[in-house]
Amino acid sequence: MNVKRNMAMSGELKIRVLRAPKAPLSWRLSNTLRWSFIRGWISYHAALLFGRLFGFATITSRLMLRVHKADGSWIDYGVVGYRVVTTVGVNAISTSFQTPASPGNFFYHGLGTGSTAEAVGDTALVTELTTQYNPDSTRATGTHVAGGSANIYRSVGTNTVDASATVQEHGILTQAATGGGSLLDRTVFAGVALTSGDGLQSTYEITFNAGS
């Protein structure tokens, strides 16, 4: 006797998205209640709104941070600031239209402990890390990724430290080694404490909005 048996297979796939926990509420309040952050937030969103309403071109920027702890966990600090594109930065962009030169290789992410407020005349970080970087005196090289639109330049870099440091400033520069390079943008934020083995991932965006 021939017996025919049918075997049915079934299964299911479940996907869970694990998001990094946010920075402590006390840190978020101390950062967002700073006048520099408030002013930057207002300027950033006003530029987008009035640019669309009245059709003029704008340049806006913002910085996002995440800490990769030595134990493998992540802490998401979100958008920490919206200021400030420097005079050096806009001059480099302007020069690129006047000569065959490129605006500059603004590829490198620098960190510092200086808390002096950002200003368009800044040409360097106030107190940049040196031996705390791993390797010493070497800024992270940013990876250029799609910013969601062709008018957004986005650079992501991770600086790892081998000594404790409370970081309060970030800059985008044209040189990997500390102590030089042109500064495109400098952002100050509430102190982020790092210990040996931690990495600070910085995501920088500068957006060029066309006029109409």
Protein backbone atom coordinates (compact mmCIF):
# COMPACT_ATOMS: atom_id res chain seq x y z
CA MET A 1 0.00 0.00 0.00
CA ASN A 2 1.31 3.38 -0.94
CA VAL A 3 0.72 6.04 1.67
CA LYS A 4 1.11 9.67 0.73
CA ARG A 5 1.84 12.13 3.47
CA ASN A 6 1.97 15.89 3.20
CA MET A 7 4.22 17.88 5.44
CA ALA A 8 3.37 21.51 6.04
CA MET A 9 5.97 23.99 7.25
CA SER A 10 5.22 27.23 8.97
CA GLY A 11 7.10 29.84 10.92
CA GLU A 12 7.25 33.47 11.79
CA LEU A 13 9.86 36.15 11.98
CA LYS A 14 9.79 38.84 14.62
CA ILE A 15 11.92 41.94 14.38
CA ARG A 16 12.57 44.28 17.24
CA VAL A 17 14.36 47.57 16.80
CA LEU A 18 16.70 48.34 19.67
CA ARG A 19 17.34 52.04 20.07
CA ALA A 20 20.10 53.48 22.19
CA PRO A 21 18.84 55.02 25.42
CA LYS A 22 18.74 58.80 25.51
CA ALA A 23 21.09 60.92 27.55
CA PRO A 24 19.92 61.62 31.11
CA LEU A 25 17.11 64.15 31.41
CA SER A 26 19.30 66.40 33.57
CA TRP A 27 21.88 66.58 30.76
CA ARG A 28 19.26 67.28 28.11
CA LEU A 29 17.80 70.12 30.15
CA SER A 30 21.21 71.65 30.87
CA ASN A 31 22.06 71.56 27.17
CA THR A 32 18.79 72.78 25.67
CA LEU A 33 18.33 75.58 28.20
CA ARG A 34 21.62 77.22 27.17
CA TRP A 35 21.12 80.51 25.30
CA SER A 36 23.47 79.34 22.56
CA PHE A 37 21.30 76.27 21.91
CA ILE A 38 18.05 78.26 22.03
CA ARG A 39 19.41 80.91 19.68
CA GLY A 40 20.67 78.25 17.29
CA TRP A 41 17.38 76.35 17.36
CA ILE A 42 15.42 79.50 16.58
CA SER A 43 17.81 80.53 13.79
CA TYR A 44 17.81 77.05 12.25
CA HIS A 45 14.03 76.71 12.08
CA ALA A 46 13.41 80.37 11.19
CA ALA A 47 15.80 80.05 8.25
CA LEU A 48 13.91 77.03 6.96
CA LEU A 49 10.51 78.67 7.45
CA PHE A 50 11.25 82.11 6.03
CA GLY A 51 13.41 80.67 3.26
CA ARG A 52 10.39 78.70 2.03
CA LEU A 53 7.97 81.60 2.53
CA PHE A 54 10.06 84.27 0.80
CA GLY A 55 12.18 82.16 -1.51
CA PHE A 56 15.71 83.06 -0.39
CA ALA A 57 18.62 80.65 -0.13
CA THR A 58 19.86 79.58 3.30
CA ILE A 59 22.69 77.62 4.91
CA THR A 60 21.92 75.72 8.12
CA SER A 61 23.87 73.20 10.18
CA ARG A 62 23.41 70.88 13.13
CA LEU A 63 25.40 68.39 15.18
CA MET A 64 24.23 65.07 16.65
CA LEU A 65 26.17 62.97 19.17
CA ARG A 66 26.15 59.38 20.40
CA VAL A 67 28.55 57.81 22.89
CA HIS A 68 29.74 54.24 22.36
CA LYS A 69 30.78 53.10 25.83
CA ALA A 70 33.74 50.80 26.38
CA ASP A 71 31.32 48.03 27.46
CA GLY A 72 29.60 48.15 24.06
CA SER A 73 26.47 50.08 25.07
CA TRP A 74 25.32 53.30 23.39
CA ILE A 75 23.92 56.58 24.72
CA ASP A 76 22.10 58.87 22.29
CA TYR A 77 22.53 62.61 22.96
CA GLY A 78 20.50 63.64 19.90
CA VAL A 79 20.91 67.08 18.32
CA VAL A 80 23.24 69.00 20.64
CA GLY A 81 23.58 72.26 18.73
CA TYR A 82 22.84 74.25 15.58
CA ARG A 83 25.77 76.68 15.58
CA VAL A 84 27.96 77.94 14.04
CA VAL A 85 29.27 77.97 10.45
CA THR A 86 32.40 80.12 10.55
CA THR A 87 33.64 82.98 8.37
CA VAL A 88 36.55 80.72 7.38
CA GLY A 89 34.05 78.12 6.23
CA VAL A 90 31.90 80.40 4.08
CA ASN A 91 35.03 82.03 2.63
CA ALA A 92 36.28 78.61 1.56
CA ILE A 93 32.95 77.92 -0.14
CA SER A 94 33.03 81.33 -1.85
CA THR A 95 36.62 80.81 -3.02
CA SER A 96 35.63 77.56 -4.70
CA PHE A 97 33.44 79.60 -7.10
CA GLN A 98 36.26 82.03 -7.88
CA THR A 99 39.03 79.50 -8.58
CA PRO A 100 39.31 75.87 -9.66
CA ALA A 101 40.06 74.96 -6.04
CA SER A 102 37.62 72.85 -4.03
CA PRO A 103 36.06 74.33 -0.86
CA GLY A 104 38.51 72.23 1.18
CA ASN A 105 38.61 68.77 2.61
CA PHE A 106 36.44 69.42 5.65
CA PHE A 107 36.59 65.75 6.59
CA TYR A 108 37.90 65.69 10.15
CA HIS A 109 36.04 65.75 13.48
CA GLY A 110 37.79 67.46 16.40
CA LEU A 111 36.78 67.46 20.08
CA GLY A 112 37.69 69.81 22.88
CA THR A 113 36.98 70.83 26.45
CA GLY A 114 36.54 74.56 25.83
CA SER A 115 33.21 76.09 26.80
CA THR A 116 33.57 79.56 25.23
CA ALA A 117 30.49 80.32 23.14
CA GLU A 118 30.68 79.79 19.39
CA ALA A 119 31.42 82.79 17.15
CA VAL A 120 31.68 83.20 13.39
CA GLY A 121 35.26 84.40 13.84
CA ASP A 122 36.41 81.11 15.40
CA THR A 123 39.37 79.55 13.60
CA ALA A 124 40.04 76.61 15.95
CA LEU A 125 38.67 74.79 18.96
CA VAL A 126 39.40 76.57 22.24
CA THR A 127 41.00 73.60 24.04
CA GLU A 128 41.28 70.61 21.73
CA LEU A 129 42.10 67.10 22.95
CA THR A 130 45.61 65.85 22.14
CA THR A 131 46.95 62.81 23.98
CA GLN A 132 43.40 61.85 25.01
CA TYR A 133 42.71 60.92 21.39
CA ASN A 134 43.50 57.33 20.40
CA PRO A 135 45.74 57.53 18.43
CA ASP A 136 47.30 60.63 20.02
CA SER A 137 46.69 64.03 18.42
CA THR A 138 44.67 62.53 15.57
CA ARG A 139 41.13 63.61 14.74
CA ALA A 140 38.54 61.18 13.46
CA THR A 141 38.12 61.03 9.69
CA GLY A 142 34.50 61.50 8.79
CA THR A 143 32.63 59.12 6.53
CA HIS A 144 30.50 60.94 4.02
CA VAL A 145 27.05 59.44 3.83
CA ALA A 146 23.85 60.42 2.10
CA GLY A 147 22.07 63.17 3.98
CA GLY A 148 18.64 62.24 2.72
CA SER A 149 18.80 64.91 0.02
CA ALA A 150 21.37 66.08 -2.52
CA ASN A 151 21.62 69.49 -0.81
CA ILE A 152 22.81 68.04 2.52
CA TYR A 153 26.46 67.33 3.31
CA ARG A 154 26.66 64.81 6.14
CA SER A 155 29.84 63.57 7.81
CA VAL A 156 30.00 60.90 10.52
CA GLY A 157 33.14 60.40 12.60
CA THR A 158 34.00 58.56 15.82
CA ASN A 159 36.77 59.76 18.12
CA THR A 160 37.93 57.13 20.62
CA VAL A 161 39.72 58.24 23.79
CA ASP A 162 42.25 56.46 26.00
CA ALA A 163 41.97 58.92 28.92
CA SER A 164 39.13 60.62 30.74
CA ALA A 165 37.85 63.88 29.26
CA THR A 166 34.72 66.00 29.55
CA VAL A 167 34.07 67.11 25.99
CA GLN A 168 32.17 70.37 25.40
CA GLU A 169 33.06 71.45 21.85
CA HIS A 170 33.21 69.93 18.37
CA GLY A 171 34.61 71.18 15.11
CA ILE A 172 34.82 70.15 11.46
CA LEU A 173 38.31 70.81 10.10
CA THR A 174 40.55 70.23 7.09
CA GLN A 175 43.43 68.44 8.83
CA ALA A 176 43.72 65.11 10.62
CA ALA A 177 46.46 66.19 13.04
CA THR A 178 45.57 68.50 15.91
CA GLY A 179 46.91 72.04 16.00
CA GLY A 180 46.00 73.14 12.49
CA GLY A 181 43.55 73.08 9.63
CA SER A 182 40.69 75.38 8.65
CA LEU A 183 37.53 75.32 10.76
CA LEU A 184 34.20 75.00 8.95
CA ASP A 185 31.90 74.82 11.97
CA ARG A 186 32.20 74.88 15.77
CA THR A 187 29.52 73.69 18.18
CA VAL A 188 29.51 73.98 21.98
CA PHE A 189 27.30 71.77 24.17
CA ALA A 190 26.89 70.66 27.79
CA GLY A 191 29.78 68.51 28.96
CA VAL A 192 29.82 64.85 27.87
CA ALA A 193 32.02 62.74 30.16
CA LEU A 194 34.18 60.15 28.41
CA THR A 195 36.43 57.53 29.99
CA SER A 196 39.17 55.41 28.48
CA GLY A 197 37.81 53.17 25.73
CA ASP A 198 34.74 55.29 25.03
CA GLY A 199 34.01 56.58 21.55
CA LEU A 200 32.10 59.74 20.68
CA GLN A 201 30.27 59.44 17.37
CA SER A 202 29.53 62.84 15.86
CA THR A 203 27.18 63.35 12.92
CA TYR A 204 27.51 66.76 11.30
CA GLU A 205 25.12 68.13 8.69
CA ILE A 206 25.27 71.33 6.66
CA THR A 207 22.27 72.00 4.43
CA PHE A 208 22.15 74.35 1.46
CA ASN A 209 18.58 75.35 0.70
CA ALA A 210 17.96 76.83 -2.74
CA GLY A 211 15.97 80.01 -3.28
CA SER A 212 12.89 80.17 -5.45
